[in-house]
Every structure is written in C-alpha cells, then in structure tokens.
Amino acid sequence: MRLDTVIFDIDGLLVDSEPLWNEAAEEVFKQYGIILTEQQYLSTTGLRTKEFVDQWFGYFDVSKTKAAEAEQRIITTVLNKIETRGTIMPGVQHIINFFCEKGFKIGLATSSPQQLIDLVVSLIGISSYIHATASAQELPYGKPHPQVYIDCATKLNSSPATCLCFEDSFNGLIAAKAARMKCVVVPHHNQQKEERWGAADLKLSSLQNFGELHFNLLQA
C-alpha cells in the first residue's frame, strides 16, 4: 500500500522541549530527594509523565501517594517553560510543507498531554496543517505501546500500513513499528551512533535533511 499519511511525535522532534522536560523533572524531583543521572533520564525518554514518575518513585523508594502531585507539578512547570523558552527544531516547516505538497493527511501522536499539543501547535503555527492529534495521557498504556499511533490513524481514517511516522525516541520508534507503520527516527545528536536505531526504516540527523530520495525509498 502506498503511503498517504504522516504522523509526527512532538517532544524533541518538532520542538526542543526535552531539555525543558529534564529541567522540570529535576526541579520537581529534588523536592522528593530524587536526583537522576543523564543516562537514567534518557532511559525513560518517550514515556508518559505518569510512568516516568512511577518508575523513579519506585526506584528511589518514594511513596506513590505523592506521585500524582509530582506528575502535575512537572507538567505545569514544563508547559510554562515551553511557552516562554521553547524553540522550534530545524526543518519543521520544511517537513510540513513537503507532505502538504504531496496531499498527505498529517497527524500528531504524543505521550504528552493535550495542553502541550495545543501549545506547541500554536507556537509553531501549524494548526491549519494538522488534521488530527492523539495523546496517550489518558490511555491504559503509553509508548512504547502502539495505541496512540493507532488512535491517530483512526482519527485520520488511515490504515496503519499507509502511515509514515517521525520519532526521536526509542520508545516512540517501537510504538510506531508495533502499530505496523513505517518510521523515520531523528535521534538526539548524542545518540546518533547507537545501534538500536537499526530498527527504524530510516535514520536522519535533522528533519531538514529529508527529501524526495528518502521519500521514494520509503514508498517503495
């Protein structure tokens, strides 16, 4: 089946929000006596905030009765940071225009809450290009479970086999592939050489680098 739909992740792919999520988590976690190493933080990239908090509260033996409070604090803090300091990733307008010109349906699928989706869409100025969005926040499972991608495809009236996804995290890549979709990964530059990206259909260093040759290879 020929591709006719593109679905983008948001955090770390369209907007440089991962450092801001890191800052927010660090600020909030300090109040509970939790300090993460960079590697520990990276290992949970792509998870929902609830799962992120639950994992590290369990690891550091912090009472789970405080988890919901910490989750909301992190989300509120990061929304404020993105609104005031969020920067658009290179190539976003290029990639949106590329698929608009091909008449593709365009969706967003993220582990982040709907408030963040709305904020980033407004920040980038792409509301008129987006046909559907899906958040995993209220789903039974977030990425790497494929449900958020399946939900987005359903909203777009698209078969998973006709969908191409763009991701920056390994959990997101696994979610897209589990949904039976093709996936392009744009990892953080510090993770570019990791062998695990071999599970993707294509790896790029920037959205700006995606072109007709890549598209034709994926369409084949």
N, C-alpha and C. Protein backbone atom coordinates (compact mmCIF):
# COMPACT_ATOMS: atom_id res chain seq x y z
N MET A 1 0.85 -1.21 0.00
CA MET A 1 0.00 0.00 0.00
C MET A 1 0.88 1.25 0.00
N ARG A 2 0.46 2.24 -0.76
CA ARG A 2 1.23 3.47 -0.85
C ARG A 2 0.96 4.37 0.35
N LEU A 3 1.99 5.05 0.80
CA LEU A 3 1.87 5.96 1.93
C LEU A 3 1.00 7.16 1.56
N ASP A 4 0.11 7.55 2.49
CA ASP A 4 -0.70 8.74 2.26
C ASP A 4 -0.90 9.57 3.52
N THR A 5 -0.24 9.13 4.61
CA THR A 5 -0.43 9.77 5.92
C THR A 5 0.91 9.89 6.63
N VAL A 6 1.13 11.02 7.28
CA VAL A 6 2.34 11.20 8.08
C VAL A 6 1.93 11.61 9.49
N ILE A 7 2.57 10.99 10.48
CA ILE A 7 2.27 11.27 11.88
C ILE A 7 3.57 11.62 12.60
N PHE A 8 3.56 12.75 13.27
CA PHE A 8 4.75 13.22 13.96
C PHE A 8 4.61 13.11 15.48
N ASP A 9 5.68 12.71 16.13
CA ASP A 9 5.83 12.92 17.57
C ASP A 9 6.04 14.42 17.77
N ILE A 10 6.09 14.87 19.00
CA ILE A 10 6.25 16.31 19.26
C ILE A 10 7.53 16.62 20.02
N ASP A 11 7.63 16.13 21.26
CA ASP A 11 8.76 16.47 22.12
C ASP A 11 10.08 15.97 21.54
N GLY A 12 11.02 16.90 21.35
CA GLY A 12 12.33 16.52 20.84
C GLY A 12 12.38 16.38 19.34
N LEU A 13 11.23 16.38 18.69
CA LEU A 13 11.17 16.25 17.23
C LEU A 13 10.74 17.55 16.57
N LEU A 14 9.60 18.10 17.00
CA LEU A 14 9.13 19.36 16.45
C LEU A 14 9.57 20.56 17.28
N VAL A 15 9.69 20.36 18.57
CA VAL A 15 10.11 21.44 19.46
C VAL A 15 11.20 20.90 20.39
N ASP A 16 12.18 21.73 20.67
CA ASP A 16 13.31 21.31 21.51
C ASP A 16 12.91 21.37 22.98
N SER A 17 12.01 20.48 23.35
CA SER A 17 11.43 20.52 24.70
C SER A 17 12.07 19.52 25.66
N GLU A 18 12.84 18.55 25.14
CA GLU A 18 13.42 17.55 26.04
C GLU A 18 14.28 18.17 27.15
N PRO A 19 15.15 19.17 26.83
CA PRO A 19 15.91 19.81 27.93
C PRO A 19 14.99 20.47 28.95
N LEU A 20 13.84 20.97 28.49
CA LEU A 20 12.90 21.64 29.40
C LEU A 20 12.16 20.62 30.26
N TRP A 21 11.83 19.46 29.68
CA TRP A 21 11.27 18.37 30.48
C TRP A 21 12.28 17.93 31.54
N ASN A 22 13.54 17.84 31.13
CA ASN A 22 14.61 17.45 32.06
C ASN A 22 14.71 18.44 33.21
N GLU A 23 14.70 19.74 32.87
CA GLU A 23 14.76 20.78 33.90
C GLU A 23 13.58 20.68 34.85
N ALA A 24 12.38 20.52 34.27
CA ALA A 24 11.17 20.45 35.10
C ALA A 24 11.22 19.25 36.03
N ALA A 25 11.62 18.10 35.49
CA ALA A 25 11.71 16.89 36.32
C ALA A 25 12.74 17.06 37.42
N GLU A 26 13.88 17.66 37.06
CA GLU A 26 14.94 17.85 38.06
C GLU A 26 14.47 18.76 39.19
N GLU A 27 13.80 19.86 38.82
CA GLU A 27 13.33 20.81 39.83
C GLU A 27 12.30 20.17 40.76
N VAL A 28 11.37 19.42 40.19
CA VAL A 28 10.32 18.80 41.00
C VAL A 28 10.87 17.62 41.80
N PHE A 29 11.68 16.78 41.17
CA PHE A 29 12.21 15.60 41.85
C PHE A 29 13.09 15.95 43.05
N LYS A 30 13.78 17.08 42.98
CA LYS A 30 14.62 17.50 44.11
C LYS A 30 13.80 17.66 45.38
N GLN A 31 12.53 18.03 45.20
CA GLN A 31 11.65 18.20 46.36
C GLN A 31 11.32 16.87 47.03
N TYR A 32 11.58 15.78 46.31
CA TYR A 32 11.32 14.44 46.85
C TYR A 32 12.62 13.68 47.10
N GLY A 33 13.75 14.37 47.01
CA GLY A 33 15.05 13.75 47.27
C GLY A 33 15.55 12.87 46.14
N ILE A 34 15.05 13.09 44.91
CA ILE A 34 15.44 12.27 43.76
C ILE A 34 16.38 13.07 42.85
N ILE A 35 17.52 12.49 42.53
CA ILE A 35 18.44 13.11 41.57
C ILE A 35 18.79 12.05 40.52
N LEU A 36 18.45 12.33 39.26
CA LEU A 36 18.71 11.38 38.18
C LEU A 36 20.00 11.70 37.46
N THR A 37 20.70 10.66 37.03
CA THR A 37 21.83 10.86 36.13
C THR A 37 21.28 11.11 34.72
N GLU A 38 22.13 11.61 33.84
CA GLU A 38 21.70 11.85 32.47
C GLU A 38 21.25 10.55 31.81
N GLN A 39 21.99 9.47 32.08
CA GLN A 39 21.65 8.18 31.47
C GLN A 39 20.32 7.66 32.01
N GLN A 40 20.06 7.85 33.28
CA GLN A 40 18.78 7.43 33.85
C GLN A 40 17.63 8.19 33.20
N TYR A 41 17.82 9.49 33.03
CA TYR A 41 16.76 10.30 32.41
C TYR A 41 16.51 9.84 30.97
N LEU A 42 17.57 9.64 30.21
CA LEU A 42 17.45 9.24 28.81
C LEU A 42 16.75 7.89 28.67
N SER A 43 16.93 7.02 29.65
CA SER A 43 16.35 5.68 29.56
C SER A 43 14.83 5.71 29.61
N THR A 44 14.26 6.80 30.09
CA THR A 44 12.80 6.91 30.18
C THR A 44 12.23 7.96 29.23
N THR A 45 13.04 8.43 28.28
CA THR A 45 12.56 9.38 27.28
C THR A 45 11.46 8.73 26.44
N GLY A 46 10.37 9.47 26.24
CA GLY A 46 9.26 8.94 25.45
C GLY A 46 8.13 8.36 26.29
N LEU A 47 8.38 8.12 27.58
CA LEU A 47 7.32 7.63 28.45
C LEU A 47 6.40 8.79 28.85
N ARG A 48 5.19 8.45 29.24
CA ARG A 48 4.29 9.48 29.78
C ARG A 48 4.82 9.94 31.13
N THR A 49 4.43 11.14 31.52
CA THR A 49 4.92 11.69 32.79
C THR A 49 4.52 10.78 33.95
N LYS A 50 3.32 10.22 33.90
CA LYS A 50 2.86 9.32 34.97
C LYS A 50 3.80 8.13 35.10
N GLU A 51 4.15 7.51 33.98
CA GLU A 51 5.03 6.33 34.01
C GLU A 51 6.44 6.72 34.41
N PHE A 52 6.88 7.88 33.95
CA PHE A 52 8.20 8.41 34.32
C PHE A 52 8.29 8.58 35.83
N VAL A 53 7.28 9.23 36.41
CA VAL A 53 7.26 9.46 37.86
C VAL A 53 7.16 8.13 38.61
N ASP A 54 6.26 7.26 38.19
CA ASP A 54 6.09 5.98 38.88
C ASP A 54 7.38 5.16 38.89
N GLN A 55 8.08 5.16 37.74
CA GLN A 55 9.31 4.36 37.66
C GLN A 55 10.35 4.86 38.65
N TRP A 56 10.58 6.17 38.69
CA TRP A 56 11.65 6.69 39.53
C TRP A 56 11.23 6.81 40.99
N PHE A 57 9.94 6.99 41.26
CA PHE A 57 9.49 6.94 42.66
C PHE A 57 9.70 5.53 43.21
N GLY A 58 9.42 4.52 42.37
CA GLY A 58 9.65 3.14 42.81
C GLY A 58 11.12 2.84 43.00
N TYR A 59 11.94 3.32 42.08
CA TYR A 59 13.39 3.07 42.13
C TYR A 59 14.01 3.70 43.37
N PHE A 60 13.56 4.93 43.69
CA PHE A 60 14.13 5.65 44.83
C PHE A 60 13.31 5.48 46.11
N ASP A 61 12.33 4.59 46.06
CA ASP A 61 11.52 4.24 47.24
C ASP A 61 10.83 5.47 47.84
N VAL A 62 10.21 6.25 46.96
CA VAL A 62 9.40 7.40 47.40
C VAL A 62 7.94 6.96 47.38
N SER A 63 7.16 7.38 48.36
CA SER A 63 5.77 6.96 48.47
C SER A 63 4.98 7.32 47.20
N LYS A 64 4.27 6.32 46.67
CA LYS A 64 3.48 6.53 45.45
C LYS A 64 2.28 7.44 45.71
N THR A 65 1.95 7.70 46.97
CA THR A 65 0.83 8.60 47.26
C THR A 65 1.13 10.03 46.81
N LYS A 66 2.41 10.32 46.58
CA LYS A 66 2.80 11.67 46.15
C LYS A 66 3.03 11.75 44.65
N ALA A 67 2.82 10.63 43.94
CA ALA A 67 3.16 10.58 42.52
C ALA A 67 2.28 11.48 41.67
N ALA A 68 0.97 11.49 41.92
CA ALA A 68 0.06 12.31 41.11
C ALA A 68 0.38 13.79 41.26
N GLU A 69 0.71 14.19 42.47
CA GLU A 69 1.10 15.58 42.74
C GLU A 69 2.37 15.94 41.97
N ALA A 70 3.35 15.05 42.00
CA ALA A 70 4.60 15.31 41.29
C ALA A 70 4.38 15.36 39.78
N GLU A 71 3.55 14.47 39.27
CA GLU A 71 3.25 14.45 37.83
C GLU A 71 2.67 15.79 37.39
N GLN A 72 1.68 16.29 38.12
CA GLN A 72 1.05 17.55 37.74
C GLN A 72 2.02 18.72 37.85
N ARG A 73 2.87 18.68 38.85
CA ARG A 73 3.88 19.74 39.00
C ARG A 73 4.83 19.78 37.83
N ILE A 74 5.26 18.60 37.38
CA ILE A 74 6.17 18.54 36.23
C ILE A 74 5.49 19.08 34.99
N ILE A 75 4.25 18.67 34.73
CA ILE A 75 3.53 19.11 33.54
C ILE A 75 3.32 20.62 33.55
N THR A 76 2.89 21.15 34.68
CA THR A 76 2.67 22.60 34.78
C THR A 76 3.97 23.37 34.56
N THR A 77 5.06 22.87 35.16
CA THR A 77 6.35 23.52 35.03
C THR A 77 6.85 23.51 33.59
N VAL A 78 6.72 22.37 32.92
CA VAL A 78 7.23 22.27 31.55
C VAL A 78 6.39 23.09 30.58
N LEU A 79 5.10 23.16 30.78
CA LEU A 79 4.26 23.99 29.92
C LEU A 79 4.68 25.46 30.00
N ASN A 80 4.98 25.91 31.20
CA ASN A 80 5.45 27.29 31.38
C ASN A 80 6.79 27.50 30.68
N LYS A 81 7.67 26.50 30.79
CA LYS A 81 8.99 26.62 30.17
C LYS A 81 8.90 26.63 28.64
N ILE A 82 8.06 25.75 28.09
CA ILE A 82 7.90 25.71 26.64
C ILE A 82 7.30 27.00 26.12
N GLU A 83 6.33 27.52 26.84
CA GLU A 83 5.67 28.76 26.40
C GLU A 83 6.64 29.93 26.35
N THR A 84 7.58 29.97 27.31
CA THR A 84 8.50 31.11 27.38
C THR A 84 9.84 30.87 26.69
N ARG A 85 10.26 29.58 26.60
CA ARG A 85 11.60 29.30 26.08
C ARG A 85 11.66 28.23 25.01
N GLY A 86 10.52 27.70 24.62
CA GLY A 86 10.51 26.62 23.64
C GLY A 86 11.00 27.08 22.28
N THR A 87 11.86 26.29 21.65
CA THR A 87 12.37 26.63 20.32
C THR A 87 11.99 25.52 19.32
N ILE A 88 11.67 25.94 18.11
CA ILE A 88 11.28 25.00 17.07
C ILE A 88 12.51 24.30 16.53
N MET A 89 12.41 23.00 16.30
CA MET A 89 13.53 22.23 15.78
C MET A 89 13.78 22.56 14.31
N PRO A 90 15.03 22.46 13.86
CA PRO A 90 15.34 22.74 12.45
C PRO A 90 14.56 21.82 11.50
N GLY A 91 14.04 22.38 10.44
CA GLY A 91 13.39 21.58 9.41
C GLY A 91 11.91 21.34 9.59
N VAL A 92 11.30 21.88 10.64
CA VAL A 92 9.88 21.61 10.89
C VAL A 92 9.00 22.15 9.76
N GLN A 93 9.20 23.40 9.40
CA GLN A 93 8.39 23.97 8.32
C GLN A 93 8.64 23.25 7.00
N HIS A 94 9.90 22.87 6.78
CA HIS A 94 10.26 22.12 5.57
C HIS A 94 9.49 20.81 5.48
N ILE A 95 9.47 20.04 6.57
CA ILE A 95 8.85 18.73 6.54
C ILE A 95 7.33 18.83 6.44
N ILE A 96 6.75 19.83 7.08
CA ILE A 96 5.30 20.05 6.98
C ILE A 96 4.95 20.41 5.54
N ASN A 97 5.69 21.34 4.96
CA ASN A 97 5.44 21.75 3.57
C ASN A 97 5.61 20.58 2.60
N PHE A 98 6.63 19.76 2.86
CA PHE A 98 6.92 18.61 1.99
C PHE A 98 5.69 17.71 1.87
N PHE A 99 5.09 17.38 3.00
CA PHE A 99 3.97 16.45 2.97
C PHE A 99 2.66 17.15 2.59
N CYS A 100 2.54 18.43 2.86
CA CYS A 100 1.37 19.18 2.40
C CYS A 100 1.32 19.19 0.88
N GLU A 101 2.46 19.40 0.26
CA GLU A 101 2.54 19.45 -1.20
C GLU A 101 2.18 18.11 -1.84
N LYS A 102 2.35 17.02 -1.08
CA LYS A 102 2.01 15.69 -1.59
C LYS A 102 0.58 15.29 -1.25
N GLY A 103 -0.13 16.19 -0.57
CA GLY A 103 -1.51 15.92 -0.23
C GLY A 103 -1.71 14.90 0.87
N PHE A 104 -0.70 14.73 1.71
CA PHE A 104 -0.77 13.77 2.82
C PHE A 104 -1.68 14.29 3.94
N LYS A 105 -2.35 13.34 4.59
CA LYS A 105 -3.01 13.66 5.85
C LYS A 105 -1.91 13.76 6.92
N ILE A 106 -2.04 14.74 7.81
CA ILE A 106 -0.98 14.99 8.79
C ILE A 106 -1.54 14.92 10.21
N GLY A 107 -0.89 14.12 11.06
CA GLY A 107 -1.32 13.97 12.44
C GLY A 107 -0.17 14.11 13.42
N LEU A 108 -0.51 14.26 14.68
CA LEU A 108 0.46 14.31 15.77
C LEU A 108 0.07 13.25 16.79
N ALA A 109 1.05 12.49 17.26
CA ALA A 109 0.80 11.45 18.27
C ALA A 109 1.89 11.52 19.32
N THR A 110 1.50 11.75 20.56
CA THR A 110 2.49 12.00 21.61
C THR A 110 2.08 11.40 22.94
N SER A 111 3.06 11.17 23.78
CA SER A 111 2.79 10.73 25.14
C SER A 111 2.39 11.91 26.03
N SER A 112 2.64 13.12 25.56
CA SER A 112 2.38 14.32 26.34
C SER A 112 0.89 14.66 26.37
N PRO A 113 0.46 15.47 27.35
CA PRO A 113 -0.96 15.83 27.46
C PRO A 113 -1.43 16.75 26.34
N GLN A 114 -2.75 16.84 26.19
CA GLN A 114 -3.34 17.65 25.13
C GLN A 114 -2.95 19.12 25.25
N GLN A 115 -2.78 19.59 26.49
CA GLN A 115 -2.38 21.00 26.66
C GLN A 115 -1.06 21.29 25.96
N LEU A 116 -0.14 20.33 26.02
CA LEU A 116 1.15 20.53 25.37
C LEU A 116 0.99 20.49 23.85
N ILE A 117 0.16 19.59 23.34
CA ILE A 117 -0.09 19.54 21.90
C ILE A 117 -0.59 20.89 21.41
N ASP A 118 -1.60 21.43 22.10
CA ASP A 118 -2.20 22.70 21.70
C ASP A 118 -1.18 23.83 21.77
N LEU A 119 -0.35 23.81 22.81
CA LEU A 119 0.66 24.86 22.98
C LEU A 119 1.68 24.82 21.86
N VAL A 120 2.18 23.63 21.54
CA VAL A 120 3.22 23.50 20.51
C VAL A 120 2.67 23.82 19.11
N VAL A 121 1.46 23.36 18.83
CA VAL A 121 0.84 23.67 17.54
C VAL A 121 0.72 25.18 17.36
N SER A 122 0.33 25.87 18.43
CA SER A 122 0.22 27.32 18.39
C SER A 122 1.59 27.98 18.26
N LEU A 123 2.57 27.46 19.00
CA LEU A 123 3.93 28.01 18.98
C LEU A 123 4.54 27.92 17.59
N ILE A 124 4.35 26.78 16.93
CA ILE A 124 4.92 26.56 15.61
C ILE A 124 4.09 27.23 14.52
N GLY A 125 2.78 27.38 14.78
CA GLY A 125 1.90 27.99 13.80
C GLY A 125 1.46 27.03 12.71
N ILE A 126 1.13 25.78 13.10
CA ILE A 126 0.79 24.77 12.11
C ILE A 126 -0.64 24.24 12.26
N SER A 127 -1.49 24.95 12.98
CA SER A 127 -2.84 24.45 13.23
C SER A 127 -3.62 24.16 11.96
N SER A 128 -3.41 24.95 10.91
CA SER A 128 -4.16 24.77 9.67
C SER A 128 -3.68 23.55 8.86
N TYR A 129 -2.53 22.98 9.24
CA TYR A 129 -1.98 21.83 8.52
C TYR A 129 -2.29 20.50 9.19
N ILE A 130 -2.68 20.54 10.47
CA ILE A 130 -2.86 19.31 11.24
C ILE A 130 -4.30 18.82 11.14
N HIS A 131 -4.47 17.57 10.73
CA HIS A 131 -5.81 17.00 10.54
C HIS A 131 -6.30 16.24 11.77
N ALA A 132 -5.40 15.78 12.62
CA ALA A 132 -5.81 15.05 13.83
C ALA A 132 -4.64 14.98 14.80
N THR A 133 -4.97 14.92 16.09
CA THR A 133 -3.94 14.73 17.13
C THR A 133 -4.40 13.63 18.07
N ALA A 134 -3.43 12.99 18.71
CA ALA A 134 -3.73 11.94 19.69
C ALA A 134 -2.73 12.03 20.84
N SER A 135 -3.25 11.99 22.05
CA SER A 135 -2.42 11.99 23.25
C SER A 135 -2.60 10.66 23.98
N ALA A 136 -1.50 10.13 24.49
CA ALA A 136 -1.56 8.87 25.23
C ALA A 136 -1.80 9.09 26.72
N GLN A 137 -1.99 10.34 27.13
CA GLN A 137 -2.07 10.63 28.56
C GLN A 137 -3.15 9.82 29.28
N GLU A 138 -4.32 9.68 28.67
CA GLU A 138 -5.42 9.00 29.34
C GLU A 138 -5.60 7.55 28.89
N LEU A 139 -4.70 7.07 28.05
CA LEU A 139 -4.79 5.68 27.60
C LEU A 139 -4.29 4.72 28.68
N PRO A 140 -4.71 3.46 28.64
CA PRO A 140 -4.20 2.48 29.61
C PRO A 140 -2.68 2.35 29.54
N TYR A 141 -2.12 2.48 28.33
CA TYR A 141 -0.67 2.36 28.15
C TYR A 141 -0.19 3.45 27.20
N GLY A 142 0.99 3.98 27.47
CA GLY A 142 1.62 4.94 26.57
C GLY A 142 2.70 4.27 25.74
N LYS A 143 3.42 5.04 24.95
CA LYS A 143 4.55 4.49 24.19
C LYS A 143 5.51 3.81 25.17
N PRO A 144 6.05 2.64 24.83
CA PRO A 144 6.15 2.00 23.51
C PRO A 144 4.93 1.21 23.05
N HIS A 145 3.82 1.25 23.80
CA HIS A 145 2.59 0.63 23.32
C HIS A 145 2.11 1.41 22.09
N PRO A 146 1.59 0.73 21.07
CA PRO A 146 1.24 1.40 19.82
C PRO A 146 -0.09 2.13 19.81
N GLN A 147 -0.88 2.07 20.90
CA GLN A 147 -2.26 2.56 20.84
C GLN A 147 -2.39 4.01 20.40
N VAL A 148 -1.49 4.89 20.84
CA VAL A 148 -1.62 6.30 20.48
C VAL A 148 -1.46 6.50 18.98
N TYR A 149 -0.60 5.70 18.34
CA TYR A 149 -0.44 5.79 16.89
C TYR A 149 -1.66 5.20 16.17
N ILE A 150 -2.18 4.11 16.70
CA ILE A 150 -3.39 3.51 16.12
C ILE A 150 -4.56 4.48 16.22
N ASP A 151 -4.69 5.14 17.38
CA ASP A 151 -5.77 6.11 17.58
C ASP A 151 -5.66 7.27 16.59
N CYS A 152 -4.44 7.75 16.38
CA CYS A 152 -4.24 8.87 15.47
C CYS A 152 -4.60 8.45 14.04
N ALA A 153 -4.19 7.25 13.62
CA ALA A 153 -4.53 6.76 12.29
C ALA A 153 -6.03 6.62 12.13
N THR A 154 -6.70 6.15 13.17
CA THR A 154 -8.16 6.01 13.13
C THR A 154 -8.83 7.37 12.94
N LYS A 155 -8.37 8.37 13.67
CA LYS A 155 -8.92 9.72 13.54
C LYS A 155 -8.70 10.28 12.13
N LEU A 156 -7.60 9.86 11.51
CA LEU A 156 -7.27 10.33 10.16
C LEU A 156 -7.93 9.47 9.08
N ASN A 157 -8.66 8.41 9.51
CA ASN A 157 -9.28 7.46 8.58
C ASN A 157 -8.22 6.84 7.66
N SER A 158 -7.09 6.47 8.26
CA SER A 158 -5.96 5.90 7.53
C SER A 158 -5.65 4.49 8.03
N SER A 159 -5.22 3.64 7.13
CA SER A 159 -4.72 2.32 7.51
C SER A 159 -3.31 2.48 8.06
N PRO A 160 -2.96 1.75 9.13
CA PRO A 160 -1.58 1.83 9.63
C PRO A 160 -0.54 1.56 8.55
N ALA A 161 -0.87 0.71 7.58
CA ALA A 161 0.08 0.36 6.52
C ALA A 161 0.37 1.52 5.58
N THR A 162 -0.45 2.56 5.63
CA THR A 162 -0.23 3.73 4.76
C THR A 162 0.37 4.91 5.53
N CYS A 163 0.76 4.66 6.80
CA CYS A 163 1.26 5.74 7.66
C CYS A 163 2.78 5.73 7.78
N LEU A 164 3.35 6.90 7.73
CA LEU A 164 4.78 7.11 7.99
C LEU A 164 4.91 7.96 9.23
N CYS A 165 5.70 7.51 10.20
CA CYS A 165 5.87 8.22 11.46
C CYS A 165 7.28 8.81 11.56
N PHE A 166 7.38 9.92 12.25
CA PHE A 166 8.66 10.53 12.56
C PHE A 166 8.80 10.58 14.08
N GLU A 167 9.92 10.06 14.58
CA GLU A 167 10.15 9.95 16.02
C GLU A 167 11.58 10.36 16.37
N ASP A 168 11.79 10.68 17.64
CA ASP A 168 13.15 10.95 18.11
C ASP A 168 13.55 10.01 19.25
N SER A 169 12.61 9.27 19.81
CA SER A 169 12.92 8.39 20.94
C SER A 169 12.78 6.93 20.55
N PHE A 170 13.47 6.07 21.28
CA PHE A 170 13.40 4.63 21.00
C PHE A 170 12.03 4.08 21.38
N ASN A 171 11.46 4.56 22.50
CA ASN A 171 10.13 4.12 22.89
C ASN A 171 9.11 4.49 21.82
N GLY A 172 9.27 5.68 21.22
CA GLY A 172 8.37 6.09 20.15
C GLY A 172 8.54 5.25 18.90
N LEU A 173 9.79 4.92 18.57
CA LEU A 173 10.08 4.07 17.42
C LEU A 173 9.41 2.71 17.57
N ILE A 174 9.53 2.11 18.74
CA ILE A 174 8.92 0.80 18.98
C ILE A 174 7.40 0.90 18.88
N ALA A 175 6.83 1.99 19.38
CA ALA A 175 5.38 2.17 19.30
C ALA A 175 4.92 2.24 17.85
N ALA A 176 5.64 2.99 17.03
CA ALA A 176 5.28 3.15 15.62
C ALA A 176 5.38 1.82 14.88
N LYS A 177 6.46 1.09 15.11
CA LYS A 177 6.65 -0.19 14.42
C LYS A 177 5.64 -1.23 14.90
N ALA A 178 5.30 -1.19 16.18
CA ALA A 178 4.29 -2.11 16.70
C ALA A 178 2.91 -1.83 16.12
N ALA A 179 2.70 -0.57 15.70
CA ALA A 179 1.44 -0.19 15.04
C ALA A 179 1.45 -0.56 13.56
N ARG A 180 2.54 -1.19 13.08
CA ARG A 180 2.73 -1.61 11.69
C ARG A 180 2.87 -0.41 10.75
N MET A 181 3.52 0.63 11.25
CA MET A 181 3.78 1.81 10.45
C MET A 181 5.27 1.92 10.14
N LYS A 182 5.59 2.60 9.06
CA LYS A 182 6.99 2.90 8.78
C LYS A 182 7.42 4.05 9.68
N CYS A 183 8.72 4.07 10.03
CA CYS A 183 9.18 5.08 10.98
C CYS A 183 10.55 5.63 10.61
N VAL A 184 10.63 6.96 10.60
CA VAL A 184 11.90 7.67 10.44
C VAL A 184 12.29 8.20 11.81
N VAL A 185 13.53 7.95 12.22
CA VAL A 185 13.99 8.47 13.52
C VAL A 185 14.98 9.61 13.32
N VAL A 186 14.85 10.59 14.19
CA VAL A 186 15.79 11.72 14.21
C VAL A 186 16.31 11.81 15.64
N PRO A 187 17.27 10.95 16.01
CA PRO A 187 17.74 10.89 17.40
C PRO A 187 18.50 12.16 17.79
N HIS A 188 18.56 12.39 19.08
CA HIS A 188 19.42 13.45 19.61
C HIS A 188 20.85 13.18 19.16
N HIS A 189 21.60 14.25 18.89
CA HIS A 189 22.94 14.07 18.32
C HIS A 189 23.85 13.21 19.20
N ASN A 190 23.61 13.20 20.51
CA ASN A 190 24.43 12.37 21.40
C ASN A 190 24.13 10.87 21.26
N GLN A 191 22.99 10.54 20.61
CA GLN A 191 22.58 9.14 20.49
C GLN A 191 22.62 8.63 19.05
N GLN A 192 23.11 9.46 18.14
CA GLN A 192 23.06 9.14 16.72
C GLN A 192 23.71 7.79 16.38
N LYS A 193 24.77 7.43 17.05
CA LYS A 193 25.54 6.23 16.68
C LYS A 193 25.06 4.95 17.35
N GLU A 194 24.01 5.03 18.14
CA GLU A 194 23.53 3.84 18.84
C GLU A 194 22.93 2.83 17.86
N GLU A 195 23.27 1.58 18.03
CA GLU A 195 22.85 0.53 17.10
C GLU A 195 21.35 0.27 17.11
N ARG A 196 20.68 0.61 18.19
CA ARG A 196 19.24 0.30 18.30
C ARG A 196 18.40 1.00 17.24
N TRP A 197 18.91 2.09 16.66
CA TRP A 197 18.14 2.80 15.63
C TRP A 197 18.03 1.98 14.35
N GLY A 198 18.74 0.87 14.28
CA GLY A 198 18.63 -0.01 13.13
C GLY A 198 17.23 -0.57 12.96
N ALA A 199 16.39 -0.48 13.99
CA ALA A 199 15.01 -0.95 13.90
C ALA A 199 14.15 -0.01 13.06
N ALA A 200 14.64 1.19 12.81
CA ALA A 200 13.87 2.18 12.04
C ALA A 200 14.02 1.93 10.54
N ASP A 201 13.09 2.47 9.78
CA ASP A 201 13.17 2.38 8.32
C ASP A 201 14.18 3.38 7.76
N LEU A 202 14.44 4.44 8.52
CA LEU A 202 15.39 5.46 8.09
C LEU A 202 15.82 6.27 9.31
N LYS A 203 17.10 6.63 9.35
CA LYS A 203 17.61 7.48 10.42
C LYS A 203 18.18 8.75 9.80
N LEU A 204 17.82 9.92 10.37
CA LEU A 204 18.31 11.21 9.89
C LEU A 204 18.91 11.99 11.04
N SER A 205 19.77 12.95 10.72
CA SER A 205 20.32 13.82 11.75
C SER A 205 19.45 15.06 11.95
N SER A 206 18.55 15.35 10.99
CA SER A 206 17.67 16.51 11.09
C SER A 206 16.48 16.33 10.15
N LEU A 207 15.34 16.88 10.52
CA LEU A 207 14.18 16.89 9.63
C LEU A 207 14.50 17.63 8.33
N GLN A 208 15.40 18.60 8.43
CA GLN A 208 15.76 19.41 7.28
C GLN A 208 16.37 18.56 6.16
N ASN A 209 16.94 17.42 6.52
CA ASN A 209 17.63 16.58 5.54
C ASN A 209 16.70 15.66 4.76
N PHE A 210 15.44 15.58 5.17
CA PHE A 210 14.51 14.67 4.48
C PHE A 210 14.15 15.23 3.11
N GLY A 211 14.24 14.38 2.09
CA GLY A 211 13.96 14.84 0.74
C GLY A 211 13.29 13.79 -0.12
N GLU A 212 13.20 14.08 -1.40
CA GLU A 212 12.48 13.23 -2.34
C GLU A 212 13.08 11.83 -2.44
N LEU A 213 14.40 11.73 -2.37
CA LEU A 213 15.05 10.42 -2.44
C LEU A 213 14.64 9.55 -1.26
N HIS A 214 14.65 10.13 -0.07
CA HIS A 214 14.23 9.38 1.13
C HIS A 214 12.78 8.94 0.98
N PHE A 215 11.95 9.85 0.53
CA PHE A 215 10.52 9.54 0.39
C PHE A 215 10.31 8.39 -0.60
N ASN A 216 10.99 8.42 -1.71
CA ASN A 216 10.84 7.37 -2.71
C ASN A 216 11.29 6.02 -2.18
N LEU A 217 12.37 6.01 -1.39
CA LEU A 217 12.86 4.76 -0.80
C LEU A 217 11.82 4.19 0.18
N LEU A 218 11.19 5.06 0.96
CA LEU A 218 10.19 4.62 1.92
C LEU A 218 8.90 4.17 1.23
N GLN A 219 8.61 4.79 0.11
CA GLN A 219 7.39 4.48 -0.62
C GLN A 219 7.50 3.16 -1.38
N ALA A 220 8.73 2.77 -1.66
CA ALA A 220 8.94 1.55 -2.47
C ALA A 220 8.44 0.30 -1.74
